[in-house]
């Protein structure tokens, strides 16, 4: 699954266009490397997002196309 879509589906970033802009600005790292929005995300990858002065680092546990709000916690875990 594309990185920008995963960020939206997992609700780490609210909109896909915002996720796309964050990737283009170099604020999203996948496995400690700057990533474009088109990078394929798979189970086991680590994603780090820089929100201003705060960093969020998560490990991908599962990749699904659609997820209910209650099941989002099963897609990733905070590191």
PDB file of N, CA and C in Angstrom:
ATOM      1  N   UNK A   1       0.848  -1.175   0.000  1.00  0.00           N
ATOM      2  CA  UNK A   1       0.000   0.000   0.000  1.00  0.00           C
ATOM      3  C   UNK A   1       0.897   1.243   0.000  1.00  0.00           C
ATOM      4  N   UNK A   2       0.470   2.277  -0.686  1.00  0.00           N
ATOM      5  CA  UNK A   2       1.217   3.529  -0.728  1.00  0.00           C
ATOM      6  C   UNK A   2       1.290   4.166   0.655  1.00  0.00           C
ATOM      7  N   UNK A   3       2.373   4.855   0.910  1.00  0.00           N
ATOM      8  CA  UNK A   3       2.595   5.491   2.213  1.00  0.00           C
ATOM      9  C   UNK A   3       1.518   6.511   2.528  1.00  0.00           C
ATOM     10  N   UNK A   4       1.173   7.379   1.586  1.00  0.00           N
ATOM     11  CA  UNK A   4       0.173   8.407   1.868  1.00  0.00           C
ATOM     12  C   UNK A   4      -1.192   7.798   2.187  1.00  0.00           C
ATOM     13  N   UNK A   5      -1.532   6.714   1.511  1.00  0.00           N
ATOM     14  CA  UNK A   5      -2.813   6.050   1.792  1.00  0.00           C
ATOM     15  C   UNK A   5      -2.791   5.372   3.160  1.00  0.00           C
ATOM     16  N   UNK A   6      -1.664   4.743   3.520  1.00  0.00           N
ATOM     17  CA  UNK A   6      -1.559   4.108   4.833  1.00  0.00           C
ATOM     18  C   UNK A   6      -1.696   5.139   5.951  1.00  0.00           C
ATOM     19  N   UNK A   7      -1.061   6.294   5.795  1.00  0.00           N
ATOM     20  CA  UNK A   7      -1.148   7.335   6.822  1.00  0.00           C
ATOM     21  C   UNK A   7      -2.586   7.801   7.012  1.00  0.00           C
ATOM     22  N   UNK A   8      -3.349   7.860   5.912  1.00  0.00           N
ATOM     23  CA  UNK A   8      -4.754   8.267   6.013  1.00  0.00           C
ATOM     24  C   UNK A   8      -5.605   7.152   6.626  1.00  0.00           C
ATOM     25  N   UNK A   9      -5.452   5.925   6.143  1.00  0.00           N
ATOM     26  CA  UNK A   9      -6.262   4.803   6.633  1.00  0.00           C
ATOM     27  C   UNK A   9      -5.999   4.565   8.116  1.00  0.00           C
ATOM     28  N   UNK A  10      -4.735   4.701   8.542  1.00  0.00           N
ATOM     29  CA  UNK A  10      -4.387   4.471   9.942  1.00  0.00           C
ATOM     30  C   UNK A  10      -4.724   5.673  10.822  1.00  0.00           C
ATOM     31  N   UNK A  11      -5.153   6.762  10.208  1.00  0.00           N
ATOM     32  CA  UNK A  11      -5.532   7.990  10.895  1.00  0.00           C
ATOM     33  C   UNK A  11      -4.362   8.662  11.623  1.00  0.00           C
ATOM     34  N   UNK A  12      -3.133   8.385  11.182  1.00  0.00           N
ATOM     35  CA  UNK A  12      -1.980   9.113  11.709  1.00  0.00           C
ATOM     36  C   UNK A  12      -1.989  10.540  11.168  1.00  0.00           C
ATOM     37  N   UNK A  13      -2.436  10.694   9.921  1.00  0.00           N
ATOM     38  CA  UNK A  13      -2.654  12.002   9.304  1.00  0.00           C
ATOM     39  C   UNK A  13      -4.073  11.987   8.745  1.00  0.00           C
ATOM     40  N   UNK A  14      -4.788  13.098   8.969  1.00  0.00           N
ATOM     41  CA  UNK A  14      -6.221  13.112   8.698  1.00  0.00           C
ATOM     42  C   UNK A  14      -6.594  13.005   7.217  1.00  0.00           C
ATOM     43  N   UNK A  15      -5.833  13.692   6.341  1.00  0.00           N
ATOM     44  CA  UNK A  15      -6.187  13.696   4.923  1.00  0.00           C
ATOM     45  C   UNK A  15      -5.028  13.199   4.078  1.00  0.00           C
ATOM     46  N   UNK A  16      -5.353  12.568   2.973  1.00  0.00           N
ATOM     47  CA  UNK A  16      -4.314  12.016   2.102  1.00  0.00           C
ATOM     48  C   UNK A  16      -3.482  13.119   1.450  1.00  0.00           C
ATOM     49  N   UNK A  17      -4.112  14.243   1.122  1.00  0.00           N
ATOM     50  CA  UNK A  17      -3.352  15.343   0.523  1.00  0.00           C
ATOM     51  C   UNK A  17      -2.348  15.922   1.517  1.00  0.00           C
ATOM     52  N   UNK A  18      -2.724  15.988   2.785  1.00  0.00           N
ATOM     53  CA  UNK A  18      -1.802  16.472   3.823  1.00  0.00           C
ATOM     54  C   UNK A  18      -0.654  15.481   3.986  1.00  0.00           C
ATOM     55  N   UNK A  19      -0.944  14.193   3.931  1.00  0.00           N
ATOM     56  CA  UNK A  19       0.089  13.163   4.011  1.00  0.00           C
ATOM     57  C   UNK A  19       1.039  13.293   2.823  1.00  0.00           C
ATOM     58  N   UNK A  20       0.478  13.553   1.657  1.00  0.00           N
ATOM     59  CA  UNK A  20       1.277  13.732   0.444  1.00  0.00           C
ATOM     60  C   UNK A  20       2.214  14.927   0.581  1.00  0.00           C
ATOM     61  N   UNK A  21       1.713  16.044   1.110  1.00  0.00           N
ATOM     62  CA  UNK A  21       2.526  17.244   1.294  1.00  0.00           C
ATOM     63  C   UNK A  21       3.621  17.013   2.326  1.00  0.00           C
ATOM     64  N   UNK A  22       3.322  16.272   3.400  1.00  0.00           N
ATOM     65  CA  UNK A  22       4.328  15.977   4.421  1.00  0.00           C
ATOM     66  C   UNK A  22       5.456  15.128   3.836  1.00  0.00           C
ATOM     67  N   UNK A  23       5.104  14.196   2.981  1.00  0.00           N
ATOM     68  CA  UNK A  23       6.119  13.361   2.320  1.00  0.00           C
ATOM     69  C   UNK A  23       6.988  14.201   1.388  1.00  0.00           C
ATOM     70  N   UNK A  24       6.361  15.085   0.618  1.00  0.00           N
ATOM     71  CA  UNK A  24       7.099  15.933  -0.308  1.00  0.00           C
ATOM     72  C   UNK A  24       8.050  16.881   0.425  1.00  0.00           C
ATOM     73  N   UNK A  25       7.676  17.301   1.627  1.00  0.00           N
ATOM     74  CA  UNK A  25       8.505  18.223   2.417  1.00  0.00           C
ATOM     75  C   UNK A  25       9.623  17.491   3.152  1.00  0.00           C
ATOM     76  N   UNK A  26       9.638  16.154   3.091  1.00  0.00           N
ATOM     77  CA  UNK A  26      10.695  15.381   3.746  1.00  0.00           C
ATOM     78  C   UNK A  26      10.483  15.181   5.223  1.00  0.00           C
ATOM     79  N   UNK A  27       9.239  15.314   5.699  1.00  0.00           N
ATOM     80  CA  UNK A  27       8.946  15.153   7.119  1.00  0.00           C
ATOM     81  C   UNK A  27       8.534  13.735   7.494  1.00  0.00           C
ATOM     82  N   UNK A  28       8.534  12.823   6.531  1.00  0.00           N
ATOM     83  CA  UNK A  28       8.162  11.431   6.804  1.00  0.00           C
ATOM     84  C   UNK A  28       9.339  10.531   6.433  1.00  0.00           C
ATOM     85  N   UNK A  29       9.746   9.692   7.383  1.00  0.00           N
ATOM     86  CA  UNK A  29      10.837   8.754   7.164  1.00  0.00           C
ATOM     87  C   UNK A  29      10.298   7.335   7.263  1.00  0.00           C
ATOM     88  N   UNK A  30      10.702   6.477   6.345  1.00  0.00           N
ATOM     89  CA  UNK A  30      10.365   5.056   6.407  1.00  0.00           C
ATOM     90  C   UNK A  30      11.675   4.302   6.536  1.00  0.00           C
ATOM     91  N   UNK A  31      11.795   3.546   7.615  1.00  0.00           N
ATOM     92  CA  UNK A  31      13.039   2.814   7.913  1.00  0.00           C
ATOM     93  C   UNK A  31      14.241   3.762   7.907  1.00  0.00           C
ATOM     94  N   UNK A  32      14.072   4.934   8.542  1.00  0.00           N
ATOM     95  CA  UNK A  32      15.112   5.955   8.715  1.00  0.00           C
ATOM     96  C   UNK A  32      15.598   6.581   7.410  1.00  0.00           C
ATOM     97  N   UNK A  33      14.797   6.525   6.347  1.00  0.00           N
ATOM     98  CA  UNK A  33      15.139   7.172   5.075  1.00  0.00           C
ATOM     99  C   UNK A  33      13.973   8.067   4.655  1.00  0.00           C
ATOM    100  N   UNK A  34      14.269   9.270   4.147  1.00  0.00           N
ATOM    101  CA  UNK A  34      13.173  10.122   3.648  1.00  0.00           C
ATOM    102  C   UNK A  34      12.379   9.380   2.573  1.00  0.00           C
ATOM    103  N   UNK A  35      11.057   9.475   2.665  1.00  0.00           N
ATOM    104  CA  UNK A  35      10.213   8.679   1.769  1.00  0.00           C
ATOM    105  C   UNK A  35       9.252   9.563   0.988  1.00  0.00           C
ATOM    106  N   UNK A  36       9.024   9.180  -0.265  1.00  0.00           N
ATOM    107  CA  UNK A  36       8.007   9.822  -1.082  1.00  0.00           C
ATOM    108  C   UNK A  36       6.657   9.178  -0.768  1.00  0.00           C
ATOM    109  N   UNK A  37       5.597   9.825  -1.188  1.00  0.00           N
ATOM    110  CA  UNK A  37       4.247   9.332  -0.924  1.00  0.00           C
ATOM    111  C   UNK A  37       3.979   7.997  -1.604  1.00  0.00           C
ATOM    112  N   UNK A  38       4.726   7.682  -2.656  1.00  0.00           N
ATOM    113  CA  UNK A  38       4.468   6.468  -3.426  1.00  0.00           C
ATOM    114  C   UNK A  38       5.203   5.239  -2.890  1.00  0.00           C
ATOM    115  N   UNK A  39       5.978   5.383  -1.828  1.00  0.00           N
ATOM    116  CA  UNK A  39       6.716   4.245  -1.262  1.00  0.00           C
ATOM    117  C   UNK A  39       5.732   3.193  -0.774  1.00  0.00           C
ATOM    118  N   UNK A  40       6.029   1.924  -1.058  1.00  0.00           N
ATOM    119  CA  UNK A  40       5.155   0.832  -0.623  1.00  0.00           C
ATOM    120  C   UNK A  40       5.453   0.490   0.839  1.00  0.00           C
ATOM    121  N   UNK A  41       4.418   0.515   1.672  1.00  0.00           N
ATOM    122  CA  UNK A  41       4.544   0.200   3.092  1.00  0.00           C
ATOM    123  C   UNK A  41       4.172  -1.259   3.284  1.00  0.00           C
ATOM    124  N   UNK A  42       4.950  -1.966   4.100  1.00  0.00           N
ATOM    125  CA  UNK A  42       4.645  -3.361   4.397  1.00  0.00           C
ATOM    126  C   UNK A  42       4.804  -3.606   5.891  1.00  0.00           C
ATOM    127  N   UNK A  43       4.327  -4.733   6.358  1.00  0.00           N
ATOM    128  CA  UNK A  43       4.404  -5.098   7.758  1.00  0.00           C
ATOM    129  C   UNK A  43       5.867  -5.128   8.210  1.00  0.00           C
ATOM    130  N   UNK A  44       6.129  -4.527   9.384  1.00  0.00           N
ATOM    131  CA  UNK A  44       7.480  -4.505   9.921  1.00  0.00           C
ATOM    132  C   UNK A  44       8.222  -3.207   9.677  1.00  0.00           C
ATOM    133  N   UNK A  45       7.733  -2.359   8.769  1.00  0.00           N
ATOM    134  CA  UNK A  45       8.384  -1.076   8.510  1.00  0.00           C
ATOM    135  C   UNK A  45       8.201  -0.133   9.693  1.00  0.00           C
ATOM    136  N   UNK A  46       9.154   0.787   9.883  1.00  0.00           N
ATOM    137  CA  UNK A  46       8.984   1.845  10.876  1.00  0.00           C
ATOM    138  C   UNK A  46       8.767   3.156  10.134  1.00  0.00           C
ATOM    139  N   UNK A  47       7.805   3.921  10.624  1.00  0.00           N
ATOM    140  CA  UNK A  47       7.472   5.210  10.021  1.00  0.00           C
ATOM    141  C   UNK A  47       7.664   6.278  11.083  1.00  0.00           C
ATOM    142  N   UNK A  48       8.403   7.324  10.735  1.00  0.00           N
ATOM    143  CA  UNK A  48       8.597   8.452  11.646  1.00  0.00           C
ATOM    144  C   UNK A  48       8.064   9.706  10.973  1.00  0.00           C
ATOM    145  N   UNK A  49       7.181  10.413  11.682  1.00  0.00           N
ATOM    146  CA  UNK A  49       6.573  11.628  11.156  1.00  0.00           C
ATOM    147  C   UNK A  49       6.980  12.787  12.050  1.00  0.00           C
ATOM    148  N   UNK A  50       7.429  13.877  11.440  1.00  0.00           N
ATOM    149  CA  UNK A  50       7.837  15.054  12.199  1.00  0.00           C
ATOM    150  C   UNK A  50       6.726  16.092  12.126  1.00  0.00           C
ATOM    151  N   UNK A  51       6.053  16.287  13.274  1.00  0.00           N
ATOM    152  CA  UNK A  51       4.994  17.293  13.402  1.00  0.00           C
ATOM    153  C   UNK A  51       5.584  18.497  14.132  1.00  0.00           C
ATOM    154  N   UNK A  52       6.116  19.465  13.422  1.00  0.00           N
ATOM    155  CA  UNK A  52       6.694  20.636  14.072  1.00  0.00           C
ATOM    156  C   UNK A  52       7.836  20.235  14.993  1.00  0.00           C
ATOM    157  N   UNK A  53       7.641  20.409  16.300  1.00  0.00           N
ATOM    158  CA  UNK A  53       8.694  20.069  17.264  1.00  0.00           C
ATOM    159  C   UNK A  53       8.518  18.666  17.836  1.00  0.00           C
ATOM    160  N   UNK A  54       7.489  17.951  17.390  1.00  0.00           N
ATOM    161  CA  UNK A  54       7.181  16.636  17.944  1.00  0.00           C
ATOM    162  C   UNK A  54       7.367  15.553  16.887  1.00  0.00           C
ATOM    163  N   UNK A  55       7.956  14.440  17.284  1.00  0.00           N
ATOM    164  CA  UNK A  55       8.134  13.307  16.372  1.00  0.00           C
ATOM    165  C   UNK A  55       7.258  12.146  16.820  1.00  0.00           C
ATOM    166  N   UNK A  56       6.661  11.470  15.857  1.00  0.00           N
ATOM    167  CA  UNK A  56       5.868  10.278  16.128  1.00  0.00           C
ATOM    168  C   UNK A  56       6.522   9.127  15.372  1.00  0.00           C
ATOM    169  N   UNK A  57       6.850   8.057  16.096  1.00  0.00           N
ATOM    170  CA  UNK A  57       7.487   6.900  15.462  1.00  0.00           C
ATOM    171  C   UNK A  57       6.618   5.681  15.727  1.00  0.00           C
ATOM    172  N   UNK A  58       6.252   4.972  14.657  1.00  0.00           N
ATOM    173  CA  UNK A  58       5.391   3.799  14.782  1.00  0.00           C
ATOM    174  C   UNK A  58       5.963   2.641  13.971  1.00  0.00           C
ATOM    175  N   UNK A  59       5.575   1.447  14.381  1.00  0.00           N
ATOM    176  CA  UNK A  59       5.912   0.244  13.626  1.00  0.00           C
ATOM    177  C   UNK A  59       4.635  -0.279  12.989  1.00  0.00           C
ATOM    178  N   UNK A  60       4.694  -0.622  11.712  1.00  0.00           N
ATOM    179  CA  UNK A  60       3.529  -1.119  10.979  1.00  0.00           C
ATOM    180  C   UNK A  60       3.298  -2.585  11.373  1.00  0.00           C
ATOM    181  N   UNK A  61       2.104  -2.884  11.885  1.00  0.00           N
ATOM    182  CA  UNK A  61       1.758  -4.247  12.277  1.00  0.00           C
ATOM    183  C   UNK A  61       0.910  -4.947  11.222  1.00  0.00           C
ATOM    184  N   UNK A  62       0.102  -4.168  10.503  1.00  0.00           N
ATOM    185  CA  UNK A  62      -0.793  -4.750   9.506  1.00  0.00           C
ATOM    186  C   UNK A  62      -1.120  -3.689   8.460  1.00  0.00           C
ATOM    187  N   UNK A  63      -1.417  -4.118   7.263  1.00  0.00           N
ATOM    188  CA  UNK A  63      -1.781  -3.206   6.179  1.00  0.00           C
ATOM    189  C   UNK A  63      -3.135  -3.642   5.643  1.00  0.00           C
ATOM    190  N   UNK A  64      -4.128  -2.750   5.749  1.00  0.00           N
ATOM    191  CA  UNK A  64      -5.476  -3.037   5.245  1.00  0.00           C
ATOM    192  C   UNK A  64      -5.976  -1.844   4.453  1.00  0.00           C
ATOM    193  N   UNK A  65      -6.818  -2.117   3.456  1.00  0.00           N
ATOM    194  CA  UNK A  65      -7.360  -1.049   2.612  1.00  0.00           C
ATOM    195  C   UNK A  65      -8.350  -0.167   3.373  1.00  0.00           C
ATOM    196  N   UNK A  66      -9.225  -0.784   4.146  1.00  0.00           N
ATOM    197  CA  UNK A  66     -10.198  -0.026   4.931  1.00  0.00           C
ATOM    198  C   UNK A  66     -10.246  -0.594   6.342  1.00  0.00           C
ATOM    199  N   UNK A  67     -10.464   0.300   7.292  1.00  0.00           N
ATOM    200  CA  UNK A  67     -10.472  -0.101   8.699  1.00  0.00           C
ATOM    201  C   UNK A  67     -11.507   0.729   9.431  1.00  0.00           C
ATOM    202  N   UNK A  68     -12.224   0.105  10.360  1.00  0.00           N
ATOM    203  CA  UNK A  68     -13.150   0.841  11.204  1.00  0.00           C
ATOM    204  C   UNK A  68     -12.359   1.616  12.249  1.00  0.00           C
ATOM    205  N   UNK A  69     -12.971   2.658  12.766  1.00  0.00           N
ATOM    206  CA  UNK A  69     -12.317   3.538  13.730  1.00  0.00           C
ATOM    207  C   UNK A  69     -11.794   2.765  14.939  1.00  0.00           C
ATOM    208  N   UNK A  70     -12.553   1.777  15.394  1.00  0.00           N
ATOM    209  CA  UNK A  70     -12.194   1.028  16.606  1.00  0.00           C
ATOM    210  C   UNK A  70     -11.009   0.087  16.361  1.00  0.00           C
ATOM    211  N   UNK A  71     -10.754  -0.280  15.116  1.00  0.00           N
ATOM    212  CA  UNK A  71      -9.715  -1.269  14.809  1.00  0.00           C
ATOM    213  C   UNK A  71      -8.392  -0.640  14.364  1.00  0.00           C
ATOM    214  N   UNK A  72      -8.290   0.677  14.422  1.00  0.00           N
ATOM    215  CA  UNK A  72      -7.084   1.370  13.951  1.00  0.00           C
ATOM    216  C   UNK A  72      -5.857   0.980  14.768  1.00  0.00           C
ATOM    217  N   UNK A  73      -6.036   0.729  16.067  1.00  0.00           N
ATOM    218  CA  UNK A  73      -4.899   0.394  16.933  1.00  0.00           C
ATOM    219  C   UNK A  73      -4.186  -0.877  16.476  1.00  0.00           C
ATOM    220  N   UNK A  74      -4.861  -1.719  15.702  1.00  0.00           N
ATOM    221  CA  UNK A  74      -4.255  -2.979  15.252  1.00  0.00           C
ATOM    222  C   UNK A  74      -3.321  -2.797  14.052  1.00  0.00           C
ATOM    223  N   UNK A  75      -3.297  -1.601  13.448  1.00  0.00           N
ATOM    224  CA  UNK A  75      -2.464  -1.367  12.270  1.00  0.00           C
ATOM    225  C   UNK A  75      -1.031  -1.003  12.622  1.00  0.00           C
ATOM    226  N   UNK A  76      -0.829  -0.369  13.782  1.00  0.00           N
ATOM    227  CA  UNK A  76       0.510   0.084  14.144  1.00  0.00           C
ATOM    228  C   UNK A  76       0.656   0.118  15.664  1.00  0.00           C
ATOM    229  N   UNK A  77       1.921   0.242  16.119  1.00  0.00           N
ATOM    230  CA  UNK A  77       2.167   0.463  17.542  1.00  0.00           C
ATOM    231  C   UNK A  77       3.244   1.519  17.668  1.00  0.00           C
ATOM    232  N   UNK A  78       3.098   2.354  18.713  1.00  0.00           N
ATOM    233  CA  UNK A  78       4.062   3.420  18.941  1.00  0.00           C
ATOM    234  C   UNK A  78       5.370   2.848  19.464  1.00  0.00           C
ATOM    235  N   UNK A  79       6.479   3.436  19.024  1.00  0.00           N
ATOM    236  CA  UNK A  79       7.812   3.011  19.488  1.00  0.00           C
ATOM    237  C   UNK A  79       8.355   4.084  20.416  1.00  0.00           C
TER     238      UNK A  79
END
